[in-house]
Amino acid sequence: MQPEDLDFAADIHSEAFDRSWSGDEFASLLSQSGGFGFVARRVGTPRDAPAGFVLARLVAGEAEILTIAVSRKFRGRGIGRMLMDQVLQHLHQERAASLFLEVDEENAAALALYKRLRFAEVGRRPAYYSDGKGRRTSALVLKRTLR
């Protein structure tokens, strides 16, 4: 993920989450120690605009996915899997011990992906997410051991 990708990432994030992040928030997270990200591009689109992205952090051998999203028009094409594979490959090279993430308990597509990637539930944050209309859902804390 490069500085020119941050506004695209913010646009994609706003499609996926009720509380979206700005390009400046992405820049801040990337600038923190251990922050890294990957962008999936659809070749042939105007300026090869990002189709999805993942932002993560690695500190003291433990990593976490901070956020991941795929543009609505590119969902269902394996882009999320490709992004996660890039993260896992990077963490393998860095010899990380584990990877954590949080996911809405009702996000069936993401849960199916994380199950295929061998993540296991290690916690739950009740009523963590809000849809902006007063409805709340829990976040599942998932972990994958890498070593």
C-alpha atoms as a PDB file:
ATOM      1  CA  MET A   1       0.000   0.000   0.000  1.00  0.00           C
ATOM      2  CA  GLN A   2       1.467   3.320  -1.122  1.00  0.00           C
ATOM      3  CA  PRO A   3       0.470   6.932  -0.304  1.00  0.00           C
ATOM      4  CA  GLU A   4      -1.417   7.216  -3.608  1.00  0.00           C
ATOM      5  CA  ASP A   5      -3.607   4.264  -2.531  1.00  0.00           C
ATOM      6  CA  LEU A   6      -4.874   5.792   0.712  1.00  0.00           C
ATOM      7  CA  ASP A   7      -7.869   7.701  -0.659  1.00  0.00           C
ATOM      8  CA  PHE A   8      -8.896   4.683  -2.757  1.00  0.00           C
ATOM      9  CA  ALA A   9      -8.657   2.533   0.379  1.00  0.00           C
ATOM     10  CA  ALA A  10     -10.819   5.034   2.265  1.00  0.00           C
ATOM     11  CA  ASP A  11     -13.454   4.879  -0.498  1.00  0.00           C
ATOM     12  CA  ILE A  12     -13.508   1.072  -0.431  1.00  0.00           C
ATOM     13  CA  HIS A  13     -13.600   1.087   3.371  1.00  0.00           C
ATOM     14  CA  SER A  14     -16.667   3.359   3.298  1.00  0.00           C
ATOM     15  CA  GLU A  15     -18.481   0.772   1.130  1.00  0.00           C
ATOM     16  CA  ALA A  16     -17.795  -1.968   3.656  1.00  0.00           C
ATOM     17  CA  PHE A  17     -18.124  -0.325   7.069  1.00  0.00           C
ATOM     18  CA  ASP A  18     -20.592   2.055   8.721  1.00  0.00           C
ATOM     19  CA  ARG A  19     -17.686   3.813  10.463  1.00  0.00           C
ATOM     20  CA  SER A  20     -15.277   4.396   7.615  1.00  0.00           C
ATOM     21  CA  TRP A  21     -11.677   5.558   7.884  1.00  0.00           C
ATOM     22  CA  SER A  22     -10.146   8.504   6.062  1.00  0.00           C
ATOM     23  CA  GLY A  23      -7.017   8.471   3.955  1.00  0.00           C
ATOM     24  CA  ASP A  24      -5.269  10.305   6.795  1.00  0.00           C
ATOM     25  CA  GLU A  25      -6.246   7.559   9.249  1.00  0.00           C
ATOM     26  CA  PHE A  26      -4.813   4.954   6.887  1.00  0.00           C
ATOM     27  CA  ALA A  27      -1.605   7.000   6.575  1.00  0.00           C
ATOM     28  CA  SER A  28      -1.317   7.245  10.351  1.00  0.00           C
ATOM     29  CA  LEU A  29      -1.743   3.497  10.845  1.00  0.00           C
ATOM     30  CA  LEU A  30       0.766   2.691   8.104  1.00  0.00           C
ATOM     31  CA  SER A  31       3.320   5.025   9.636  1.00  0.00           C
ATOM     32  CA  GLN A  32       3.178   3.283  13.009  1.00  0.00           C
ATOM     33  CA  SER A  33       5.832   0.732  13.881  1.00  0.00           C
ATOM     34  CA  GLY A  34       5.081  -2.615  12.245  1.00  0.00           C
ATOM     35  CA  GLY A  35       2.269  -1.281  10.023  1.00  0.00           C
ATOM     36  CA  PHE A  36       1.971  -2.658   6.498  1.00  0.00           C
ATOM     37  CA  GLY A  37      -0.646  -3.113   3.828  1.00  0.00           C
ATOM     38  CA  PHE A  38      -1.326  -4.661   0.443  1.00  0.00           C
ATOM     39  CA  VAL A  39      -3.538  -3.508  -2.408  1.00  0.00           C
ATOM     40  CA  ALA A  40      -5.192  -5.688  -5.057  1.00  0.00           C
ATOM     41  CA  ARG A  41      -5.484  -3.988  -8.426  1.00  0.00           C
ATOM     42  CA  ARG A  42      -7.688  -4.886 -11.313  1.00  0.00           C
ATOM     43  CA  VAL A  43      -5.373  -4.444 -14.304  1.00  0.00           C
ATOM     44  CA  GLY A  44      -7.004  -2.477 -17.095  1.00  0.00           C
ATOM     45  CA  THR A  45      -9.206  -0.344 -14.863  1.00  0.00           C
ATOM     46  CA  PRO A  46      -8.679   3.400 -14.903  1.00  0.00           C
ATOM     47  CA  ARG A  47      -5.255   4.006 -13.339  1.00  0.00           C
ATOM     48  CA  ASP A  48      -5.405   0.382 -12.155  1.00  0.00           C
ATOM     49  CA  ALA A  49      -7.543   1.523  -9.234  1.00  0.00           C
ATOM     50  CA  PRO A  50      -7.496  -0.765  -6.186  1.00  0.00           C
ATOM     51  CA  ALA A  51     -10.164  -3.453  -6.030  1.00  0.00           C
ATOM     52  CA  GLY A  52      -9.390  -4.203  -2.394  1.00  0.00           C
ATOM     53  CA  PHE A  53      -6.842  -3.778   0.350  1.00  0.00           C
ATOM     54  CA  VAL A  54      -5.659  -5.106   3.670  1.00  0.00           C
ATOM     55  CA  LEU A  55      -3.975  -3.179   6.457  1.00  0.00           C
ATOM     56  CA  ALA A  56      -2.113  -5.047   9.199  1.00  0.00           C
ATOM     57  CA  ARG A  57       0.429  -4.600  11.953  1.00  0.00           C
ATOM     58  CA  LEU A  58       3.216  -6.833  13.259  1.00  0.00           C
ATOM     59  CA  VAL A  59       4.716  -6.218  16.691  1.00  0.00           C
ATOM     60  CA  ALA A  60       6.881  -8.605  18.742  1.00  0.00           C
ATOM     61  CA  GLY A  61       5.950 -11.648  16.657  1.00  0.00           C
ATOM     62  CA  GLU A  62       2.188 -11.126  16.858  1.00  0.00           C
ATOM     63  CA  ALA A  63       0.250  -9.657  13.963  1.00  0.00           C
ATOM     64  CA  GLU A  64      -3.261  -8.378  13.555  1.00  0.00           C
ATOM     65  CA  ILE A  65      -5.436  -7.489  10.624  1.00  0.00           C
ATOM     66  CA  LEU A  66      -6.545  -3.913  11.266  1.00  0.00           C
ATOM     67  CA  THR A  67      -8.972  -3.885   8.355  1.00  0.00           C
ATOM     68  CA  ILE A  68      -9.615  -5.601   5.049  1.00  0.00           C
ATOM     69  CA  ALA A  69     -12.165  -4.713   2.381  1.00  0.00           C
ATOM     70  CA  VAL A  70     -12.981  -5.436  -1.249  1.00  0.00           C
ATOM     71  CA  SER A  71     -14.892  -3.037  -3.481  1.00  0.00           C
ATOM     72  CA  ARG A  72     -18.519  -4.112  -3.964  1.00  0.00           C
ATOM     73  CA  LYS A  73     -18.072  -4.481  -7.719  1.00  0.00           C
ATOM     74  CA  PHE A  74     -15.181  -6.937  -7.235  1.00  0.00           C
ATOM     75  CA  ARG A  75     -16.539  -9.109  -4.420  1.00  0.00           C
ATOM     76  CA  GLY A  76     -16.871 -12.844  -4.905  1.00  0.00           C
ATOM     77  CA  ARG A  77     -13.769 -13.078  -7.118  1.00  0.00           C
ATOM     78  CA  GLY A  78     -11.242 -14.329  -4.563  1.00  0.00           C
ATOM     79  CA  ILE A  79      -9.645 -10.944  -3.914  1.00  0.00           C
ATOM     80  CA  GLY A  80     -10.044 -11.201  -0.137  1.00  0.00           C
ATOM     81  CA  ARG A  81      -8.324 -14.600  -0.225  1.00  0.00           C
ATOM     82  CA  MET A  82      -5.504 -13.199  -2.355  1.00  0.00           C
ATOM     83  CA  LEU A  83      -4.986 -10.324   0.081  1.00  0.00           C
ATOM     84  CA  MET A  84      -4.940 -12.655   3.070  1.00  0.00           C
ATOM     85  CA  ASP A  85      -2.481 -14.942   1.278  1.00  0.00           C
ATOM     86  CA  GLN A  86      -0.151 -11.944   0.804  1.00  0.00           C
ATOM     87  CA  VAL A  87      -0.363 -11.122   4.511  1.00  0.00           C
ATOM     88  CA  LEU A  88       0.326 -14.722   5.498  1.00  0.00           C
ATOM     89  CA  GLN A  89       3.276 -14.921   3.125  1.00  0.00           C
ATOM     90  CA  HIS A  90       4.711 -11.675   4.518  1.00  0.00           C
ATOM     91  CA  LEU A  91       4.259 -12.882   8.097  1.00  0.00           C
ATOM     92  CA  HIS A  92       5.938 -16.183   7.266  1.00  0.00           C
ATOM     93  CA  GLN A  93       8.953 -14.266   5.931  1.00  0.00           C
ATOM     94  CA  GLU A  94       8.971 -12.166   9.108  1.00  0.00           C
ATOM     95  CA  ARG A  95       8.719 -15.340  11.231  1.00  0.00           C
ATOM     96  CA  ALA A  96       5.599 -14.125  13.038  1.00  0.00           C
ATOM     97  CA  ALA A  97       4.066 -16.494  15.578  1.00  0.00           C
ATOM     98  CA  SER A  98       0.374 -15.642  15.208  1.00  0.00           C
ATOM     99  CA  LEU A  99      -2.203 -13.522  13.411  1.00  0.00           C
ATOM    100  CA  PHE A 100      -5.343 -12.097  15.027  1.00  0.00           C
ATOM    101  CA  LEU A 101      -8.388 -10.373  13.593  1.00  0.00           C
ATOM    102  CA  GLU A 102     -11.899  -9.354  14.543  1.00  0.00           C
ATOM    103  CA  VAL A 103     -14.930 -10.015  12.376  1.00  0.00           C
ATOM    104  CA  ASP A 104     -18.632  -9.319  12.690  1.00  0.00           C
ATOM    105  CA  GLU A 105     -20.395 -12.515  13.735  1.00  0.00           C
ATOM    106  CA  GLU A 106     -22.879 -11.964  10.880  1.00  0.00           C
ATOM    107  CA  ASN A 107     -20.302 -11.543   8.099  1.00  0.00           C
ATOM    108  CA  ALA A 108     -20.801 -14.980   6.539  1.00  0.00           C
ATOM    109  CA  ALA A 109     -18.454 -14.443   3.589  1.00  0.00           C
ATOM    110  CA  ALA A 110     -15.564 -13.336   5.801  1.00  0.00           C
ATOM    111  CA  LEU A 111     -16.190 -16.122   8.308  1.00  0.00           C
ATOM    112  CA  ALA A 112     -16.103 -18.711   5.516  1.00  0.00           C
ATOM    113  CA  LEU A 113     -12.798 -17.305   4.257  1.00  0.00           C
ATOM    114  CA  TYR A 114     -11.223 -17.284   7.710  1.00  0.00           C
ATOM    115  CA  LYS A 115     -12.395 -20.834   8.355  1.00  0.00           C
ATOM    116  CA  ARG A 116     -10.731 -21.964   5.101  1.00  0.00           C
ATOM    117  CA  LEU A 117      -7.572 -20.174   6.259  1.00  0.00           C
ATOM    118  CA  ARG A 118      -7.632 -22.131   9.558  1.00  0.00           C
ATOM    119  CA  PHE A 119      -8.467 -19.328  11.957  1.00  0.00           C
ATOM    120  CA  ALA A 120     -10.030 -20.351  15.263  1.00  0.00           C
ATOM    121  CA  GLU A 121     -12.299 -18.323  17.533  1.00  0.00           C
ATOM    122  CA  VAL A 122     -10.480 -17.262  20.697  1.00  0.00           C
ATOM    123  CA  GLY A 123     -12.817 -14.578  21.986  1.00  0.00           C
ATOM    124  CA  ARG A 124     -15.944 -12.530  21.529  1.00  0.00           C
ATOM    125  CA  ARG A 125     -16.729  -8.852  22.022  1.00  0.00           C
ATOM    126  CA  PRO A 126     -20.481  -8.606  22.662  1.00  0.00           C
ATOM    127  CA  ALA A 127     -22.362  -5.767  20.945  1.00  0.00           C
ATOM    128  CA  TYR A 128     -19.098  -4.450  19.466  1.00  0.00           C
ATOM    129  CA  TYR A 129     -20.382  -3.348  16.058  1.00  0.00           C
ATOM    130  CA  SER A 130     -23.231  -0.935  15.430  1.00  0.00           C
ATOM    131  CA  ASP A 131     -25.042  -0.570  12.121  1.00  0.00           C
ATOM    132  CA  GLY A 132     -25.864   3.088  12.746  1.00  0.00           C
ATOM    133  CA  LYS A 133     -29.536   2.238  13.316  1.00  0.00           C
ATOM    134  CA  GLY A 134     -29.142   1.054  16.890  1.00  0.00           C
ATOM    135  CA  ARG A 135     -28.660  -2.616  16.019  1.00  0.00           C
ATOM    136  CA  ARG A 136     -25.520  -4.172  17.521  1.00  0.00           C
ATOM    137  CA  THR A 137     -23.657  -7.369  16.708  1.00  0.00           C
ATOM    138  CA  SER A 138     -20.733  -9.107  18.336  1.00  0.00           C
ATOM    139  CA  ALA A 139     -17.177  -9.229  17.073  1.00  0.00           C
ATOM    140  CA  LEU A 140     -15.509 -12.612  16.993  1.00  0.00           C
ATOM    141  CA  VAL A 141     -11.795 -12.561  17.807  1.00  0.00           C
ATOM    142  CA  LEU A 142     -10.034 -15.086  15.596  1.00  0.00           C
ATOM    143  CA  LYS A 143      -6.466 -16.361  15.699  1.00  0.00           C
ATOM    144  CA  ARG A 144      -4.246 -18.327  13.400  1.00  0.00           C
ATOM    145  CA  THR A 145      -1.047 -19.821  14.774  1.00  0.00           C
ATOM    146  CA  LEU A 146       1.728 -19.431  12.229  1.00  0.00           C
ATOM    147  CA  ARG A 147       4.567 -21.460  13.760  1.00  0.00           C
END
